[in-house]
């Protein structure tokens, strides 16, 4: 199964925030959209990083007073790991496990086309397992 399969079922919507925006804007997006990470983009819309709830918690411990007014770039993970729509879901899971990350932006030809979370992967794997079990039951019953 490829990453594109997950994107087709969940959609290609990606919430972004500019690197220079105040962190309070990113927190609002995370909370209002009920998501765990937001992709950080530069002025041209290119991926500049990713900001997760974990990134915010780490910064909160260092400087809680000035945190919400500081720019997103000060809290984001700049070395963002991306994947492509044609990548296998197995490779995506391995990358998430190896790097201990829960969200991976999906980029195709330099363009941001989606984001996949560990929850998206687990949901798809459960659906796949249920379909296989149903097919086996039908085979046995026939």
Foldseek 3Di string as FASTA:
>chain_A
DFQLVLCVVPHQDAAEDEQFDFQLVVVCCCVVVVHFKHFYAYPVRFGQFMAGPVLLVVVCVVDVPCRRRGGNNVRTGRPAAAAERGHHLVVVVVVCVVVVHFKHFYDDPRHTGHMHGPVSSVVVVVVVVVVVVVVVVVVVVD
